[in-house]
Amino acid sequence: MNPVPKGLLPKVTIPSFVERASQGEKLVCLTAYDYTMARLVDEAGADLILVGDSLAAIVQGYGTTLPVTMDEMVYHCRCVTRGAPRALVVGDLPFMSYQVSREDALRNSGRLVKEGGVAAVKLEGGTSVADTIQAIVRAEIPVVGHVGLTPQAFHRMGGHKVQGKCKKGAGSRNQVIEDALAVEEAGAFAVVLEGLPAELAAEISEKLSIPTIGIGAGASCNAQILVTHDLLGFSGIQPPRFVKQYASLHEIITEAIRSYSSEVKEGTFPTTKHAYGAN
């Protein structure tokens, strides 16, 4: 990994991330899937960059996160870590890379660290994966948990639906709390809370001693994360309710390409200014 350029904030480590959260500092987390976006996010000061399996939708055009493979995750992690010398980079373990056996989980976590260059891995689930988290942590690989709306459970949940509203059963308030506590006890250094009522996320954040990273979970979490392409308005479609768009790059990019196309067709580009002479 490249050294942190002079003038930037200090390198974010897992101990510094946890310490800053414990002191009440709100931390900034974003996604990236390639070198260019990683550089931009890192230079803008994000504390944590997640190479999410959301790349299945953002990069590959799928409707869920399920199709992305382990090899693809390693590749994208490698691209991102090259472009992010300062931020803490975390890689997602994709669907079926850790569910079959602890051996799979350890092997694939090791790949993300050794081949992808990440500092930590993230996996979805609570009580059902507590033993797996514990095994990964014992192998000296830091883990971020993920409870609530877990996109890899898309079919069980019947879509991307807010969790923690009912009182009993899978996805219930009590189950989400139990899952978060199990993740902490298993040794995760942080946990993503996704798609939860704000009051439930606040309660969980109060109960846990590890940082909570919210997405669609209100303002009480220690950190917030969004898909960078969503906040930049890349898609041109209405984002989920929990997303605030800070730019509309879809319009800017399409207009720039239309201008280029028009100039090519009209013969006004390239001009002599954009051409090389004989000498």
Protein backbone atom coordinates (compact mmCIF):
# COMPACT_ATOMS: atom_id res chain seq x y z
CA MET A 1 0.00 0.00 0.00
CA ASN A 2 1.23 3.51 -0.78
CA PRO A 3 2.34 5.67 2.18
CA VAL A 4 0.06 8.47 3.36
CA PRO A 5 0.98 11.66 1.46
CA LYS A 6 2.27 14.56 3.53
CA GLY A 7 -0.42 16.98 4.65
CA LEU A 8 -3.17 14.38 5.00
CA LEU A 9 -4.67 13.30 8.30
CA PRO A 10 -2.99 10.37 10.08
CA LYS A 11 -3.63 6.82 8.90
CA VAL A 12 -6.85 5.41 10.36
CA THR A 13 -6.21 2.16 12.21
CA ILE A 14 -8.67 -0.12 13.95
CA PRO A 15 -7.56 1.06 17.42
CA SER A 16 -7.81 4.72 16.39
CA PHE A 17 -11.24 4.16 14.80
CA VAL A 18 -12.56 2.53 17.98
CA GLU A 19 -10.93 5.13 20.24
CA ARG A 20 -12.33 8.09 18.34
CA ALA A 21 -15.82 6.57 18.39
CA SER A 22 -15.55 5.98 22.16
CA GLN A 23 -14.72 9.67 22.63
CA GLY A 24 -17.94 10.68 20.90
CA GLU A 25 -16.52 11.64 17.50
CA LYS A 26 -18.85 10.91 14.58
CA LEU A 27 -17.01 8.90 11.95
CA VAL A 28 -17.44 8.98 8.17
CA CYS A 29 -17.70 5.77 6.14
CA LEU A 30 -18.25 5.35 2.40
CA THR A 31 -17.99 2.68 -0.28
CA ALA A 32 -15.53 2.41 -3.15
CA TYR A 33 -14.93 -0.30 -5.73
CA ASP A 34 -12.04 1.05 -7.80
CA TYR A 35 -8.79 3.00 -7.53
CA THR A 36 -10.15 6.32 -8.81
CA MET A 37 -13.12 6.50 -6.45
CA ALA A 38 -10.98 5.26 -3.56
CA ARG A 39 -8.53 8.13 -4.13
CA LEU A 40 -11.35 10.68 -4.14
CA VAL A 41 -13.01 9.29 -1.02
CA ASP A 42 -9.70 8.95 0.80
CA GLU A 43 -8.55 12.47 -0.07
CA ALA A 44 -11.94 13.87 1.03
CA GLY A 45 -11.26 12.51 4.51
CA ALA A 46 -13.43 9.40 4.92
CA ASP A 47 -12.40 7.39 7.97
CA LEU A 48 -13.45 4.00 6.63
CA ILE A 49 -13.91 2.73 3.08
CA LEU A 50 -16.00 -0.39 2.58
CA VAL A 51 -15.42 -2.45 -0.54
CA GLY A 52 -18.98 -3.71 -0.38
CA ASP A 53 -20.55 -6.64 -2.15
CA SER A 54 -22.94 -3.89 -3.27
CA LEU A 55 -20.55 -3.74 -6.21
CA ALA A 56 -22.80 -6.46 -7.68
CA ALA A 57 -25.43 -3.78 -8.18
CA ILE A 58 -23.29 -0.67 -8.64
CA VAL A 59 -20.54 -2.08 -10.86
CA GLN A 60 -21.99 -5.27 -12.35
CA GLY A 61 -25.63 -4.30 -12.83
CA TYR A 62 -27.28 -7.07 -10.80
CA GLY A 63 -30.44 -6.58 -8.77
CA THR A 64 -29.00 -8.10 -5.58
CA THR A 65 -25.61 -8.63 -3.97
CA LEU A 66 -25.83 -12.42 -4.32
CA PRO A 67 -23.98 -13.02 -7.63
CA VAL A 68 -20.65 -11.39 -6.72
CA THR A 69 -17.81 -13.91 -6.33
CA MET A 70 -14.84 -14.18 -4.02
CA ASP A 71 -12.39 -13.60 -6.87
CA GLU A 72 -14.25 -10.42 -7.82
CA MET A 73 -14.16 -9.15 -4.25
CA VAL A 74 -10.41 -9.76 -4.03
CA TYR A 75 -9.87 -7.87 -7.30
CA HIS A 76 -11.89 -4.83 -6.23
CA CYS A 77 -10.33 -4.76 -2.76
CA ARG A 78 -6.90 -4.71 -4.39
CA CYS A 79 -7.92 -1.74 -6.57
CA VAL A 80 -9.30 0.21 -3.62
CA THR A 81 -6.41 -0.35 -1.22
CA ARG A 82 -4.02 1.04 -3.83
CA GLY A 83 -5.99 4.28 -3.88
CA ALA A 84 -6.64 4.68 -0.15
CA PRO A 85 -3.43 5.12 1.84
CA ARG A 86 -5.14 6.85 4.78
CA ALA A 87 -8.62 5.39 5.34
CA LEU A 88 -9.32 2.08 7.05
CA VAL A 89 -10.33 -0.29 4.24
CA VAL A 90 -12.78 -3.13 4.96
CA GLY A 91 -13.73 -5.85 2.48
CA ASP A 92 -17.07 -7.67 2.32
CA LEU A 93 -17.19 -11.44 2.44
CA PRO A 94 -19.63 -12.29 -0.37
CA PHE A 95 -22.57 -14.68 -0.24
CA MET A 96 -21.56 -18.31 0.41
CA SER A 97 -17.93 -17.42 1.12
CA TYR A 98 -18.35 -17.97 4.88
CA GLN A 99 -21.69 -19.74 5.44
CA VAL A 100 -20.64 -23.32 4.57
CA SER A 101 -17.80 -23.81 7.05
CA ARG A 102 -15.39 -22.02 9.33
CA GLU A 103 -12.59 -23.25 7.11
CA ASP A 104 -14.14 -21.41 4.15
CA ALA A 105 -14.61 -18.32 6.28
CA LEU A 106 -10.98 -18.33 7.44
CA ARG A 107 -9.58 -19.05 3.99
CA ASN A 108 -11.64 -16.36 2.29
CA SER A 109 -11.01 -13.78 5.02
CA GLY A 110 -7.32 -14.47 4.61
CA ARG A 111 -7.58 -13.90 0.88
CA LEU A 112 -9.14 -10.47 1.34
CA VAL A 113 -6.30 -9.51 3.68
CA LYS A 114 -3.38 -11.15 1.84
CA GLU A 115 -4.47 -10.63 -1.77
CA GLY A 116 -6.85 -7.69 -1.44
CA GLY A 117 -4.82 -5.73 1.09
CA VAL A 118 -7.74 -4.84 3.40
CA ALA A 119 -7.35 -4.31 7.14
CA ALA A 120 -10.59 -6.06 8.09
CA VAL A 121 -13.48 -8.08 6.71
CA LYS A 122 -17.25 -7.66 7.07
CA LEU A 123 -19.86 -10.38 7.17
CA GLU A 124 -23.61 -10.42 7.68
CA GLY A 125 -25.56 -12.08 10.47
CA GLY A 126 -25.69 -12.22 14.25
CA THR A 127 -26.14 -15.23 16.48
CA SER A 128 -25.91 -17.59 13.50
CA VAL A 129 -22.39 -16.41 12.60
CA ALA A 130 -21.02 -15.63 16.06
CA ASP A 131 -18.79 -18.72 16.08
CA THR A 132 -17.50 -17.80 12.62
CA ILE A 133 -16.66 -14.26 13.71
CA GLN A 134 -14.86 -15.64 16.73
CA ALA A 135 -12.79 -18.00 14.58
CA ILE A 136 -11.80 -15.21 12.16
CA VAL A 137 -10.84 -12.89 15.03
CA ARG A 138 -8.74 -15.68 16.58
CA ALA A 139 -6.83 -15.81 13.30
CA GLU A 140 -5.90 -12.13 13.89
CA ILE A 141 -8.23 -10.86 11.18
CA PRO A 142 -10.40 -7.96 12.44
CA VAL A 143 -14.13 -8.23 11.74
CA VAL A 144 -17.00 -5.79 11.23
CA GLY A 145 -20.43 -7.32 11.85
CA HIS A 146 -23.65 -6.46 10.02
CA VAL A 147 -27.15 -6.89 11.47
CA GLY A 148 -30.67 -5.71 10.72
CA LEU A 149 -31.35 -5.50 7.01
CA THR A 150 -28.78 -7.92 5.62
CA PRO A 151 -28.82 -7.82 1.79
CA GLN A 152 -27.55 -11.40 1.43
CA ALA A 153 -30.83 -12.50 3.08
CA PHE A 154 -32.77 -10.80 0.26
CA HIS A 155 -34.96 -13.81 -0.50
CA ARG A 156 -35.76 -14.63 3.13
CA MET A 157 -36.77 -11.03 3.82
CA GLY A 158 -38.72 -10.75 0.57
CA GLY A 159 -36.66 -7.77 -0.56
CA HIS A 160 -34.79 -4.96 1.11
CA LYS A 161 -37.17 -4.30 4.00
CA VAL A 162 -36.74 -2.42 7.25
CA GLN A 163 -36.11 -4.84 10.11
CA GLY A 164 -36.83 -4.63 13.84
CA LYS A 165 -40.45 -3.54 13.59
CA CYS A 166 -42.09 -6.74 14.84
CA LYS A 167 -41.56 -8.21 18.32
CA LYS A 168 -40.96 -11.88 17.55
CA GLY A 169 -39.27 -14.07 14.95
CA ALA A 170 -36.60 -13.45 12.33
CA GLY A 171 -35.97 -9.76 11.82
CA SER A 172 -37.78 -8.83 15.03
CA ARG A 173 -36.66 -6.12 17.42
CA ASN A 174 -35.50 -8.64 20.01
CA GLN A 175 -33.65 -10.72 17.41
CA VAL A 176 -31.77 -7.70 16.06
CA ILE A 177 -30.68 -6.73 19.57
CA GLU A 178 -29.60 -10.31 20.28
CA ASP A 179 -27.70 -10.40 16.99
CA ALA A 180 -25.84 -7.16 17.74
CA LEU A 181 -24.86 -8.36 21.22
CA ALA A 182 -23.67 -11.68 19.77
CA VAL A 183 -21.50 -9.90 17.21
CA GLU A 184 -19.86 -7.83 19.93
CA GLU A 185 -19.30 -10.82 22.20
CA ALA A 186 -17.76 -12.78 19.32
CA GLY A 187 -15.04 -10.14 19.00
CA ALA A 188 -16.09 -7.83 16.14
CA PHE A 189 -14.60 -4.34 16.55
CA ALA A 190 -17.62 -2.61 14.96
CA VAL A 191 -21.06 -3.47 13.59
CA VAL A 192 -23.16 -2.10 10.73
CA LEU A 193 -26.79 -1.43 11.64
CA GLU A 194 -28.82 -1.32 8.44
CA GLY A 195 -32.47 -0.61 7.80
CA LEU A 196 -33.64 -0.22 11.41
CA PRO A 197 -36.03 2.16 13.15
CA ALA A 198 -33.97 5.04 14.55
CA GLU A 199 -35.00 4.37 18.13
CA LEU A 200 -33.92 0.72 17.92
CA ALA A 201 -30.55 1.66 16.46
CA ALA A 202 -30.13 4.20 19.28
CA GLU A 203 -30.91 1.53 21.87
CA ILE A 204 -28.41 -0.90 20.34
CA SER A 205 -25.74 1.82 20.15
CA GLU A 206 -26.28 2.48 23.84
CA LYS A 207 -26.02 -1.21 24.75
CA LEU A 208 -22.83 -1.93 22.80
CA SER A 209 -19.29 -0.92 23.67
CA ILE A 210 -18.12 -1.24 20.04
CA PRO A 211 -18.83 1.41 17.38
CA THR A 212 -22.07 1.17 15.44
CA ILE A 213 -22.09 2.17 11.77
CA GLY A 214 -25.53 3.23 10.58
CA ILE A 215 -27.13 3.08 7.17
CA GLY A 216 -30.82 3.84 7.20
CA ALA A 217 -30.68 3.60 11.00
CA GLY A 218 -30.94 7.19 12.23
CA ALA A 219 -28.43 9.61 13.69
CA SER A 220 -27.51 7.90 16.96
CA CYS A 221 -24.90 5.53 15.54
CA ASN A 222 -21.22 6.27 16.07
CA ALA A 223 -20.62 6.40 12.31
CA GLN A 224 -22.62 6.71 9.12
CA ILE A 225 -22.07 4.93 5.81
CA LEU A 226 -23.62 5.43 2.39
CA VAL A 227 -22.95 3.99 -1.03
CA THR A 228 -20.84 6.74 -2.58
CA HIS A 229 -22.54 6.42 -5.97
CA ASP A 230 -25.89 7.09 -4.27
CA LEU A 231 -24.85 10.30 -2.50
CA LEU A 232 -23.22 11.54 -5.73
CA GLY A 233 -26.36 10.89 -7.79
CA PHE A 234 -24.74 8.62 -10.37
CA SER A 235 -27.84 6.59 -11.23
CA GLY A 236 -30.30 9.35 -12.08
CA ILE A 237 -33.08 7.50 -10.23
CA GLN A 238 -34.74 8.30 -6.92
CA PRO A 239 -32.52 6.95 -4.12
CA PRO A 240 -33.80 5.19 -0.99
CA ARG A 241 -35.30 7.39 1.73
CA PHE A 242 -32.19 7.22 3.92
CA VAL A 243 -29.92 8.62 1.18
CA LYS A 244 -29.21 12.32 0.83
CA GLN A 245 -27.86 13.26 -2.59
CA TYR A 246 -25.07 15.82 -2.37
CA ALA A 247 -24.60 16.04 -6.14
CA SER A 248 -26.29 14.99 -9.37
CA LEU A 249 -23.41 13.59 -11.38
CA HIS A 250 -25.75 11.63 -13.67
CA GLU A 251 -26.87 14.89 -15.26
CA ILE A 252 -23.37 16.39 -15.37
CA ILE A 253 -21.81 13.30 -16.93
CA THR A 254 -24.51 12.65 -19.52
CA GLU A 255 -24.50 16.31 -20.57
CA ALA A 256 -20.70 16.28 -20.95
CA ILE A 257 -20.88 13.15 -23.11
CA ARG A 258 -23.67 14.64 -25.22
CA SER A 259 -21.50 17.74 -25.79
CA TYR A 260 -18.57 15.58 -26.82
CA SER A 261 -20.79 13.55 -29.15
CA SER A 262 -22.19 16.68 -30.79
CA GLU A 263 -18.74 18.15 -31.40
CA VAL A 264 -17.46 14.91 -32.92
CA LYS A 265 -20.46 14.69 -35.25
CA GLU A 266 -20.16 18.37 -36.21
CA GLY A 267 -16.43 18.10 -36.79
CA THR A 268 -15.57 20.74 -34.19
CA PHE A 269 -13.54 18.28 -32.13
CA PRO A 270 -10.66 17.70 -32.28
CA THR A 271 -9.25 21.08 -33.26
CA THR A 272 -5.62 21.89 -33.97
CA LYS A 273 -5.31 22.63 -30.25
CA HIS A 274 -5.93 18.93 -29.55
CA ALA A 275 -3.65 17.57 -32.29
CA TYR A 276 0.10 16.97 -32.54
CA GLY A 277 2.16 18.72 -35.16
CA ALA A 278 4.84 17.10 -37.35
CA ASN A 279 7.65 18.65 -35.30
